[in-house]
């Protein structure tokens, strides 16, 4: 869930991952939230201006219960992550179709 920082009130519940969320990161402007979860090959990009809407889905192979993190390059144009096959993947954040 997403909670308000002033009063702890529940703002929204985001549904989309099959496992427990292990990593989240906001875009520099705060308009997107990226999330990854255990045993879940998806990294989801959520629209914080329209909570509950998934803007992009980045697919990776994750066959483990271990955390597999992701990060962005300094210019925030490329999403980078590993997978359980031992590969490093990078996507244009505006085009999740091809790593």
PDB file of N, CA and C in Angstrom:
ATOM      1  N   UNK A   1       0.809  -1.176   0.000  1.00  0.00           N
ATOM      2  CA  UNK A   1       0.000   0.000   0.000  1.00  0.00           C
ATOM      3  C   UNK A   1       0.860   1.250   0.000  1.00  0.00           C
ATOM      4  N   UNK A   2       0.267   2.341  -0.386  1.00  0.00           N
ATOM      5  CA  UNK A   2       0.899   3.664  -0.369  1.00  0.00           C
ATOM      6  C   UNK A   2       0.234   4.443   0.760  1.00  0.00           C
ATOM      7  N   UNK A   3       1.060   4.974   1.655  1.00  0.00           N
ATOM      8  CA  UNK A   3       0.561   5.696   2.826  1.00  0.00           C
ATOM      9  C   UNK A   3       1.036   7.141   2.804  1.00  0.00           C
ATOM     10  N   UNK A   4       0.204   8.046   3.304  1.00  0.00           N
ATOM     11  CA  UNK A   4       0.567   9.450   3.400  1.00  0.00           C
ATOM     12  C   UNK A   4       1.670   9.660   4.415  1.00  0.00           C
ATOM     13  N   UNK A   5       2.576  10.589   4.137  1.00  0.00           N
ATOM     14  CA  UNK A   5       3.697  10.825   5.047  1.00  0.00           C
ATOM     15  C   UNK A   5       3.315  11.704   6.238  1.00  0.00           C
ATOM     16  N   UNK A   6       2.232  12.431   6.153  1.00  0.00           N
ATOM     17  CA  UNK A   6       1.846  13.328   7.239  1.00  0.00           C
ATOM     18  C   UNK A   6       1.033  12.621   8.328  1.00  0.00           C
ATOM     19  N   UNK A   7       0.109  11.740   7.904  1.00  0.00           N
ATOM     20  CA  UNK A   7      -0.777  11.127   8.892  1.00  0.00           C
ATOM     21  C   UNK A   7      -0.803   9.599   8.827  1.00  0.00           C
ATOM     22  N   UNK A   8      -0.052   9.010   7.913  1.00  0.00           N
ATOM     23  CA  UNK A   8      -0.008   7.558   7.790  1.00  0.00           C
ATOM     24  C   UNK A   8      -1.265   6.945   7.201  1.00  0.00           C
ATOM     25  N   UNK A   9      -2.130   7.784   6.637  1.00  0.00           N
ATOM     26  CA  UNK A   9      -3.380   7.308   6.059  1.00  0.00           C
ATOM     27  C   UNK A   9      -3.114   6.520   4.775  1.00  0.00           C
ATOM     28  N   UNK A  10      -3.839   5.410   4.596  1.00  0.00           N
ATOM     29  CA  UNK A  10      -3.732   4.611   3.382  1.00  0.00           C
ATOM     30  C   UNK A  10      -4.278   5.413   2.208  1.00  0.00           C
ATOM     31  N   UNK A  11      -3.435   5.616   1.191  1.00  0.00           N
ATOM     32  CA  UNK A  11      -3.837   6.372   0.002  1.00  0.00           C
ATOM     33  C   UNK A  11      -4.304   5.429  -1.105  1.00  0.00           C
ATOM     34  N   UNK A  12      -3.561   4.339  -1.302  1.00  0.00           N
ATOM     35  CA  UNK A  12      -3.906   3.396  -2.373  1.00  0.00           C
ATOM     36  C   UNK A  12      -3.253   2.051  -2.113  1.00  0.00           C
ATOM     37  N   UNK A  13      -3.860   1.009  -2.651  1.00  0.00           N
ATOM     38  CA  UNK A  13      -3.275  -0.329  -2.655  1.00  0.00           C
ATOM     39  C   UNK A  13      -2.997  -0.668  -4.112  1.00  0.00           C
ATOM     40  N   UNK A  14      -1.755  -1.017  -4.402  1.00  0.00           N
ATOM     41  CA  UNK A  14      -1.356  -1.324  -5.769  1.00  0.00           C
ATOM     42  C   UNK A  14      -1.311  -2.835  -5.953  1.00  0.00           C
ATOM     43  N   UNK A  15      -2.055  -3.336  -6.920  1.00  0.00           N
ATOM     44  CA  UNK A  15      -2.096  -4.768  -7.205  1.00  0.00           C
ATOM     45  C   UNK A  15      -1.389  -5.015  -8.529  1.00  0.00           C
ATOM     46  N   UNK A  16      -0.514  -6.024  -8.552  1.00  0.00           N
ATOM     47  CA  UNK A  16       0.158  -6.336  -9.805  1.00  0.00           C
ATOM     48  C   UNK A  16       1.252  -7.368  -9.667  1.00  0.00           C
ATOM     49  N   UNK A  17       1.889  -7.439  -8.505  1.00  0.00           N
ATOM     50  CA  UNK A  17       2.961  -8.408  -8.291  1.00  0.00           C
ATOM     51  C   UNK A  17       2.402  -9.703  -7.709  1.00  0.00           C
ATOM     52  N   UNK A  18       3.092 -10.813  -8.015  1.00  0.00           N
ATOM     53  CA  UNK A  18       2.672 -12.099  -7.460  1.00  0.00           C
ATOM     54  C   UNK A  18       3.410 -12.425  -6.169  1.00  0.00           C
ATOM     55  N   UNK A  19       4.583 -11.847  -5.965  1.00  0.00           N
ATOM     56  CA  UNK A  19       5.356 -12.079  -4.749  1.00  0.00           C
ATOM     57  C   UNK A  19       5.417 -10.822  -3.904  1.00  0.00           C
ATOM     58  N   UNK A  20       6.020 -10.951  -2.728  1.00  0.00           N
ATOM     59  CA  UNK A  20       6.185  -9.798  -1.851  1.00  0.00           C
ATOM     60  C   UNK A  20       7.157  -8.791  -2.444  1.00  0.00           C
ATOM     61  N   UNK A  21       6.832  -7.527  -2.365  1.00  0.00           N
ATOM     62  CA  UNK A  21       7.675  -6.470  -2.930  1.00  0.00           C
ATOM     63  C   UNK A  21       8.982  -6.388  -2.150  1.00  0.00           C
ATOM     64  N   UNK A  22      10.080  -6.335  -2.884  1.00  0.00           N
ATOM     65  CA  UNK A  22      11.409  -6.299  -2.268  1.00  0.00           C
ATOM     66  C   UNK A  22      12.178  -5.029  -2.589  1.00  0.00           C
ATOM     67  N   UNK A  23      11.704  -4.267  -3.573  1.00  0.00           N
ATOM     68  CA  UNK A  23      12.461  -3.082  -3.983  1.00  0.00           C
ATOM     69  C   UNK A  23      11.508  -2.088  -4.631  1.00  0.00           C
ATOM     70  N   UNK A  24      11.608  -0.822  -4.217  1.00  0.00           N
ATOM     71  CA  UNK A  24      10.864   0.253  -4.871  1.00  0.00           C
ATOM     72  C   UNK A  24      11.802   1.427  -5.078  1.00  0.00           C
ATOM     73  N   UNK A  25      11.499   2.217  -6.083  1.00  0.00           N
ATOM     74  CA  UNK A  25      12.288   3.417  -6.338  1.00  0.00           C
ATOM     75  C   UNK A  25      11.416   4.418  -7.092  1.00  0.00           C
ATOM     76  N   UNK A  26      11.445   5.675  -6.654  1.00  0.00           N
ATOM     77  CA  UNK A  26      10.712   6.738  -7.323  1.00  0.00           C
ATOM     78  C   UNK A  26      11.557   7.350  -8.427  1.00  0.00           C
ATOM     79  N   UNK A  27      10.881   7.847  -9.461  1.00  0.00           N
ATOM     80  CA  UNK A  27      11.562   8.636 -10.484  1.00  0.00           C
ATOM     81  C   UNK A  27      11.985   9.954  -9.843  1.00  0.00           C
ATOM     82  N   UNK A  28      12.983  10.651 -10.426  1.00  0.00           N
ATOM     83  CA  UNK A  28      13.440  11.910  -9.823  1.00  0.00           C
ATOM     84  C   UNK A  28      12.330  12.948  -9.651  1.00  0.00           C
ATOM     85  N   UNK A  29      11.350  12.975 -10.560  1.00  0.00           N
ATOM     86  CA  UNK A  29      10.272  13.956 -10.435  1.00  0.00           C
ATOM     87  C   UNK A  29       9.128  13.475  -9.539  1.00  0.00           C
ATOM     88  N   UNK A  30       9.209  12.221  -9.072  1.00  0.00           N
ATOM     89  CA  UNK A  30       8.192  11.680  -8.181  1.00  0.00           C
ATOM     90  C   UNK A  30       6.911  11.245  -8.863  1.00  0.00           C
ATOM     91  N   UNK A  31       6.853  11.313 -10.188  1.00  0.00           N
ATOM     92  CA  UNK A  31       5.627  10.961 -10.905  1.00  0.00           C
ATOM     93  C   UNK A  31       5.461   9.470 -11.156  1.00  0.00           C
ATOM     94  N   UNK A  32       6.559   8.707 -11.071  1.00  0.00           N
ATOM     95  CA  UNK A  32       6.489   7.263 -11.257  1.00  0.00           C
ATOM     96  C   UNK A  32       7.111   6.550 -10.065  1.00  0.00           C
ATOM     97  N   UNK A  33       6.564   5.372  -9.780  1.00  0.00           N
ATOM     98  CA  UNK A  33       7.107   4.480  -8.768  1.00  0.00           C
ATOM     99  C   UNK A  33       7.407   3.157  -9.459  1.00  0.00           C
ATOM    100  N   UNK A  34       8.636   2.674  -9.323  1.00  0.00           N
ATOM    101  CA  UNK A  34       9.046   1.390  -9.899  1.00  0.00           C
ATOM    102  C   UNK A  34       9.115   0.381  -8.765  1.00  0.00           C
ATOM    103  N   UNK A  35       8.614  -0.843  -9.020  1.00  0.00           N
ATOM    104  CA  UNK A  35       8.600  -1.869  -7.979  1.00  0.00           C
ATOM    105  C   UNK A  35       8.992  -3.223  -8.549  1.00  0.00           C
ATOM    106  N   UNK A  36       9.662  -4.015  -7.702  1.00  0.00           N
ATOM    107  CA  UNK A  36      10.030  -5.385  -8.040  1.00  0.00           C
ATOM    108  C   UNK A  36       9.709  -6.279  -6.856  1.00  0.00           C
ATOM    109  N   UNK A  37       9.511  -7.583  -7.119  1.00  0.00           N
ATOM    110  CA  UNK A  37       9.078  -8.496  -6.061  1.00  0.00           C
ATOM    111  C   UNK A  37       9.766  -9.853  -6.189  1.00  0.00           C
ATOM    112  N   UNK A  38       9.680 -10.635  -5.103  1.00  0.00           N
ATOM    113  CA  UNK A  38      10.239 -11.997  -5.086  1.00  0.00           C
ATOM    114  C   UNK A  38       9.498 -12.896  -6.071  1.00  0.00           C
ATOM    115  N   UNK A  39      10.266 -13.774  -6.712  1.00  0.00           N
ATOM    116  CA  UNK A  39       9.711 -14.760  -7.654  1.00  0.00           C
ATOM    117  C   UNK A  39       8.736 -14.134  -8.637  1.00  0.00           C
ATOM    118  N   UNK A  40       9.015 -12.918  -9.046  1.00  0.00           N
ATOM    119  CA  UNK A  40       8.155 -12.178  -9.961  1.00  0.00           C
ATOM    120  C   UNK A  40       9.051 -11.529 -11.003  1.00  0.00           C
ATOM    121  N   UNK A  41       8.889 -11.899 -12.249  1.00  0.00           N
ATOM    122  CA  UNK A  41       9.750 -11.387 -13.300  1.00  0.00           C
ATOM    123  C   UNK A  41       9.451  -9.974 -13.738  1.00  0.00           C
ATOM    124  N   UNK A  42       8.427  -9.364 -13.179  1.00  0.00           N
ATOM    125  CA  UNK A  42       8.046  -8.026 -13.627  1.00  0.00           C
ATOM    126  C   UNK A  42       8.635  -6.933 -12.739  1.00  0.00           C
ATOM    127  N   UNK A  43       9.114  -5.881 -13.380  1.00  0.00           N
ATOM    128  CA  UNK A  43       9.357  -4.606 -12.709  1.00  0.00           C
ATOM    129  C   UNK A  43       8.244  -3.708 -13.228  1.00  0.00           C
ATOM    130  N   UNK A  44       7.437  -3.193 -12.321  1.00  0.00           N
ATOM    131  CA  UNK A  44       6.285  -2.392 -12.712  1.00  0.00           C
ATOM    132  C   UNK A  44       6.566  -0.915 -12.510  1.00  0.00           C
ATOM    133  N   UNK A  45       6.104  -0.103 -13.438  1.00  0.00           N
ATOM    134  CA  UNK A  45       6.196   1.352 -13.342  1.00  0.00           C
ATOM    135  C   UNK A  45       4.783   1.877 -13.135  1.00  0.00           C
ATOM    136  N   UNK A  46       4.549   2.462 -11.967  1.00  0.00           N
ATOM    137  CA  UNK A  46       3.229   2.960 -11.573  1.00  0.00           C
ATOM    138  C   UNK A  46       3.153   4.466 -11.784  1.00  0.00           C
ATOM    139  N   UNK A  47       1.991   4.950 -12.210  1.00  0.00           N
ATOM    140  CA  UNK A  47       1.742   6.377 -12.360  1.00  0.00           C
ATOM    141  C   UNK A  47       1.273   6.922 -11.013  1.00  0.00           C
ATOM    142  N   UNK A  48       2.079   7.740 -10.359  1.00  0.00           N
ATOM    143  CA  UNK A  48       1.725   8.279  -9.045  1.00  0.00           C
ATOM    144  C   UNK A  48       0.661   9.372  -9.133  1.00  0.00           C
ATOM    145  N   UNK A  49       0.410   9.874 -10.334  1.00  0.00           N
ATOM    146  CA  UNK A  49      -0.640  10.877 -10.511  1.00  0.00           C
ATOM    147  C   UNK A  49      -2.003  10.222 -10.701  1.00  0.00           C
ATOM    148  N   UNK A  50      -1.993   8.931 -11.051  1.00  0.00           N
ATOM    149  CA  UNK A  50      -3.220   8.159 -11.234  1.00  0.00           C
ATOM    150  C   UNK A  50      -2.981   6.802 -10.581  1.00  0.00           C
ATOM    151  N   UNK A  51      -2.985   6.768  -9.258  1.00  0.00           N
ATOM    152  CA  UNK A  51      -2.595   5.575  -8.511  1.00  0.00           C
ATOM    153  C   UNK A  51      -3.376   4.345  -8.938  1.00  0.00           C
ATOM    154  N   UNK A  52      -2.643   3.272  -9.112  1.00  0.00           N
ATOM    155  CA  UNK A  52      -3.228   2.020  -9.548  1.00  0.00           C
ATOM    156  C   UNK A  52      -3.006   1.745 -11.021  1.00  0.00           C
ATOM    157  N   UNK A  53      -2.629   2.770 -11.790  1.00  0.00           N
ATOM    158  CA  UNK A  53      -2.379   2.583 -13.217  1.00  0.00           C
ATOM    159  C   UNK A  53      -0.923   2.185 -13.439  1.00  0.00           C
ATOM    160  N   UNK A  54      -0.735   1.069 -14.136  1.00  0.00           N
ATOM    161  CA  UNK A  54       0.610   0.624 -14.497  1.00  0.00           C
ATOM    162  C   UNK A  54       0.950   1.234 -15.850  1.00  0.00           C
ATOM    163  N   UNK A  55       2.031   2.017 -15.884  1.00  0.00           N
ATOM    164  CA  UNK A  55       2.455   2.652 -17.130  1.00  0.00           C
ATOM    165  C   UNK A  55       3.269   1.707 -18.004  1.00  0.00           C
ATOM    166  N   UNK A  56       4.201   0.977 -17.384  1.00  0.00           N
ATOM    167  CA  UNK A  56       5.096   0.085 -18.116  1.00  0.00           C
ATOM    168  C   UNK A  56       5.336  -1.176 -17.296  1.00  0.00           C
ATOM    169  N   UNK A  57       5.582  -2.271 -18.001  1.00  0.00           N
ATOM    170  CA  UNK A  57       5.988  -3.526 -17.381  1.00  0.00           C
ATOM    171  C   UNK A  57       7.286  -3.971 -18.034  1.00  0.00           C
ATOM    172  N   UNK A  58       8.324  -4.140 -17.237  1.00  0.00           N
ATOM    173  CA  UNK A  58       9.625  -4.606 -17.709  1.00  0.00           C
ATOM    174  C   UNK A  58       9.758  -6.062 -17.278  1.00  0.00           C
ATOM    175  N   UNK A  59       9.948  -6.971 -18.237  1.00  0.00           N
ATOM    176  CA  UNK A  59       9.961  -8.402 -17.951  1.00  0.00           C
ATOM    177  C   UNK A  59      11.393  -8.929 -17.869  1.00  0.00           C
ATOM    178  N   UNK A  60      11.684  -9.685 -16.803  1.00  0.00           N
ATOM    179  CA  UNK A  60      12.984 -10.337 -16.622  1.00  0.00           C
ATOM    180  C   UNK A  60      12.744 -11.745 -16.098  1.00  0.00           C
ATOM    181  N   UNK A  61      13.732 -12.616 -16.202  1.00  0.00           N
ATOM    182  CA  UNK A  61      13.603 -13.982 -15.691  1.00  0.00           C
ATOM    183  C   UNK A  61      14.047 -14.006 -14.236  1.00  0.00           C
ATOM    184  N   UNK A  62      13.137 -14.372 -13.342  1.00  0.00           N
ATOM    185  CA  UNK A  62      13.446 -14.461 -11.917  1.00  0.00           C
ATOM    186  C   UNK A  62      12.878 -15.780 -11.405  1.00  0.00           C
ATOM    187  N   UNK A  63      13.746 -16.761 -11.214  1.00  0.00           N
ATOM    188  CA  UNK A  63      13.305 -18.048 -10.714  1.00  0.00           C
ATOM    189  C   UNK A  63      13.828 -18.325  -9.325  1.00  0.00           C
ATOM    190  N   UNK A  64      13.970 -17.291  -8.540  1.00  0.00           N
ATOM    191  CA  UNK A  64      14.530 -17.423  -7.201  1.00  0.00           C
ATOM    192  C   UNK A  64      13.709 -16.616  -6.210  1.00  0.00           C
ATOM    193  N   UNK A  65      13.811 -16.965  -4.953  1.00  0.00           N
ATOM    194  CA  UNK A  65      13.162 -16.218  -3.888  1.00  0.00           C
ATOM    195  C   UNK A  65      14.057 -15.075  -3.393  1.00  0.00           C
ATOM    196  N   UNK A  66      15.271 -15.000  -3.911  1.00  0.00           N
ATOM    197  CA  UNK A  66      16.209 -13.956  -3.498  1.00  0.00           C
ATOM    198  C   UNK A  66      15.828 -12.613  -4.124  1.00  0.00           C
ATOM    199  N   UNK A  67      16.249 -11.544  -3.480  1.00  0.00           N
ATOM    200  CA  UNK A  67      16.013 -10.211  -4.029  1.00  0.00           C
ATOM    201  C   UNK A  67      16.918  -9.993  -5.238  1.00  0.00           C
ATOM    202  N   UNK A  68      16.354  -9.470  -6.295  1.00  0.00           N
ATOM    203  CA  UNK A  68      17.129  -9.049  -7.455  1.00  0.00           C
ATOM    204  C   UNK A  68      16.770  -7.584  -7.677  1.00  0.00           C
ATOM    205  N   UNK A  69      17.714  -6.716  -7.374  1.00  0.00           N
ATOM    206  CA  UNK A  69      17.458  -5.280  -7.412  1.00  0.00           C
ATOM    207  C   UNK A  69      17.520  -4.726  -8.825  1.00  0.00           C
ATOM    208  N   UNK A  70      17.110  -3.488  -8.948  1.00  0.00           N
ATOM    209  CA  UNK A  70      17.224  -2.740 -10.198  1.00  0.00           C
ATOM    210  C   UNK A  70      17.658  -1.331  -9.847  1.00  0.00           C
ATOM    211  N   UNK A  71      18.148  -0.618 -10.832  1.00  0.00           N
ATOM    212  CA  UNK A  71      18.563   0.769 -10.628  1.00  0.00           C
ATOM    213  C   UNK A  71      18.498   1.484 -11.970  1.00  0.00           C
ATOM    214  N   UNK A  72      18.814   2.756 -11.954  1.00  0.00           N
ATOM    215  CA  UNK A  72      18.761   3.588 -13.150  1.00  0.00           C
ATOM    216  C   UNK A  72      20.114   4.232 -13.386  1.00  0.00           C
ATOM    217  N   UNK A  73      20.393   4.525 -14.666  1.00  0.00           N
ATOM    218  CA  UNK A  73      21.627   5.249 -14.960  1.00  0.00           C
ATOM    219  C   UNK A  73      21.472   6.683 -14.451  1.00  0.00           C
ATOM    220  N   UNK A  74      22.580   7.446 -14.320  1.00  0.00           N
ATOM    221  CA  UNK A  74      22.494   8.795 -13.746  1.00  0.00           C
ATOM    222  C   UNK A  74      21.547   9.746 -14.483  1.00  0.00           C
ATOM    223  N   UNK A  75      21.353   9.554 -15.778  1.00  0.00           N
ATOM    224  CA  UNK A  75      20.449  10.437 -16.521  1.00  0.00           C
ATOM    225  C   UNK A  75      18.992   9.978 -16.448  1.00  0.00           C
ATOM    226  N   UNK A  76      18.748   8.868 -15.759  1.00  0.00           N
ATOM    227  CA  UNK A  76      17.423   8.285 -15.575  1.00  0.00           C
ATOM    228  C   UNK A  76      16.739   8.000 -16.909  1.00  0.00           C
ATOM    229  N   UNK A  77      17.490   7.430 -17.846  1.00  0.00           N
ATOM    230  CA  UNK A  77      16.910   7.032 -19.127  1.00  0.00           C
ATOM    231  C   UNK A  77      16.937   5.523 -19.314  1.00  0.00           C
ATOM    232  N   UNK A  78      17.744   4.810 -18.516  1.00  0.00           N
ATOM    233  CA  UNK A  78      17.892   3.365 -18.654  1.00  0.00           C
ATOM    234  C   UNK A  78      17.665   2.673 -17.319  1.00  0.00           C
ATOM    235  N   UNK A  79      16.791   1.674 -17.330  1.00  0.00           N
ATOM    236  CA  UNK A  79      16.546   0.813 -16.175  1.00  0.00           C
ATOM    237  C   UNK A  79      17.447  -0.405 -16.324  1.00  0.00           C
ATOM    238  N   UNK A  80      18.230  -0.717 -15.290  1.00  0.00           N
ATOM    239  CA  UNK A  80      19.191  -1.818 -15.342  1.00  0.00           C
ATOM    240  C   UNK A  80      18.892  -2.802 -14.218  1.00  0.00           C
ATOM    241  N   UNK A  81      18.921  -4.099 -14.547  1.00  0.00           N
ATOM    242  CA  UNK A  81      18.706  -5.140 -13.553  1.00  0.00           C
ATOM    243  C   UNK A  81      19.428  -6.410 -13.979  1.00  0.00           C
ATOM    244  N   UNK A  82      19.551  -7.318 -13.052  1.00  0.00           N
ATOM    245  CA  UNK A  82      20.055  -8.649 -13.368  1.00  0.00           C
ATOM    246  C   UNK A  82      18.887  -9.610 -13.435  1.00  0.00           C
ATOM    247  N   UNK A  83      19.188 -10.859 -13.751  1.00  0.00           N
ATOM    248  CA  UNK A  83      18.161 -11.889 -13.684  1.00  0.00           C
ATOM    249  C   UNK A  83      18.787 -13.169 -13.157  1.00  0.00           C
ATOM    250  N   UNK A  84      17.987 -14.172 -12.932  1.00  0.00           N
ATOM    251  CA  UNK A  84      18.513 -15.401 -12.337  1.00  0.00           C
ATOM    252  C   UNK A  84      19.243 -16.275 -13.352  1.00  0.00           C
ATOM    253  N   UNK A  85      19.336 -15.844 -14.605  1.00  0.00           N
ATOM    254  CA  UNK A  85      20.148 -16.532 -15.610  1.00  0.00           C
ATOM    255  C   UNK A  85      21.572 -15.993 -15.649  1.00  0.00           C
ATOM    256  N   UNK A  86      21.864 -14.978 -14.825  1.00  0.00           N
ATOM    257  CA  UNK A  86      23.198 -14.397 -14.786  1.00  0.00           C
ATOM    258  C   UNK A  86      23.427 -13.285 -15.793  1.00  0.00           C
ATOM    259  N   UNK A  87      22.373 -12.791 -16.425  1.00  0.00           N
ATOM    260  CA  UNK A  87      22.503 -11.717 -17.400  1.00  0.00           C
ATOM    261  C   UNK A  87      22.166 -10.369 -16.762  1.00  0.00           C
ATOM    262  N   UNK A  88      22.743  -9.310 -17.318  1.00  0.00           N
ATOM    263  CA  UNK A  88      22.394  -7.946 -16.940  1.00  0.00           C
ATOM    264  C   UNK A  88      21.570  -7.373 -18.087  1.00  0.00           C
ATOM    265  N   UNK A  89      20.442  -6.778 -17.746  1.00  0.00           N
ATOM    266  CA  UNK A  89      19.525  -6.233 -18.742  1.00  0.00           C
ATOM    267  C   UNK A  89      19.394  -4.734 -18.571  1.00  0.00           C
ATOM    268  N   UNK A  90      19.198  -4.026 -19.669  1.00  0.00           N
ATOM    269  CA  UNK A  90      18.960  -2.588 -19.633  1.00  0.00           C
ATOM    270  C   UNK A  90      17.849  -2.223 -20.596  1.00  0.00           C
ATOM    271  N   UNK A  91      16.913  -1.400 -20.153  1.00  0.00           N
ATOM    272  CA  UNK A  91      15.803  -0.947 -20.985  1.00  0.00           C
ATOM    273  C   UNK A  91      15.775   0.569 -21.034  1.00  0.00           C
ATOM    274  N   UNK A  92      15.351   1.096 -22.167  1.00  0.00           N
ATOM    275  CA  UNK A  92      14.948   2.498 -22.248  1.00  0.00           C
ATOM    276  C   UNK A  92      13.689   2.595 -21.382  1.00  0.00           C
ATOM    277  N   UNK A  93      13.641   3.513 -20.426  1.00  0.00           N
ATOM    278  CA  UNK A  93      12.501   3.549 -19.497  1.00  0.00           C
ATOM    279  C   UNK A  93      11.182   3.858 -20.190  1.00  0.00           C
ATOM    280  N   UNK A  94      11.242   4.400 -21.406  1.00  0.00           N
ATOM    281  CA  UNK A  94      10.016   4.685 -22.145  1.00  0.00           C
ATOM    282  C   UNK A  94       9.641   3.583 -23.127  1.00  0.00           C
ATOM    283  N   UNK A  95      10.476   2.530 -23.234  1.00  0.00           N
ATOM    284  CA  UNK A  95      10.210   1.432 -24.164  1.00  0.00           C
ATOM    285  C   UNK A  95      10.591   0.105 -23.519  1.00  0.00           C
ATOM    286  N   UNK A  96       9.674  -0.492 -22.752  1.00  0.00           N
ATOM    287  CA  UNK A  96       9.991  -1.733 -22.049  1.00  0.00           C
ATOM    288  C   UNK A  96       9.964  -2.975 -22.935  1.00  0.00           C
ATOM    289  N   UNK A  97       9.691  -2.825 -24.227  1.00  0.00           N
ATOM    290  CA  UNK A  97       9.512  -3.990 -25.090  1.00  0.00           C
ATOM    291  C   UNK A  97      10.792  -4.787 -25.324  1.00  0.00           C
ATOM    292  N   UNK A  98      11.950  -4.139 -25.365  1.00  0.00           N
ATOM    293  CA  UNK A  98      13.193  -4.847 -25.664  1.00  0.00           C
ATOM    294  C   UNK A  98      14.307  -4.416 -24.723  1.00  0.00           C
ATOM    295  N   UNK A  99      14.822  -5.369 -23.932  1.00  0.00           N
ATOM    296  CA  UNK A  99      15.977  -5.000 -23.082  1.00  0.00           C
ATOM    297  C   UNK A  99      17.246  -4.929 -23.905  1.00  0.00           C
TER     298      UNK A  99
END
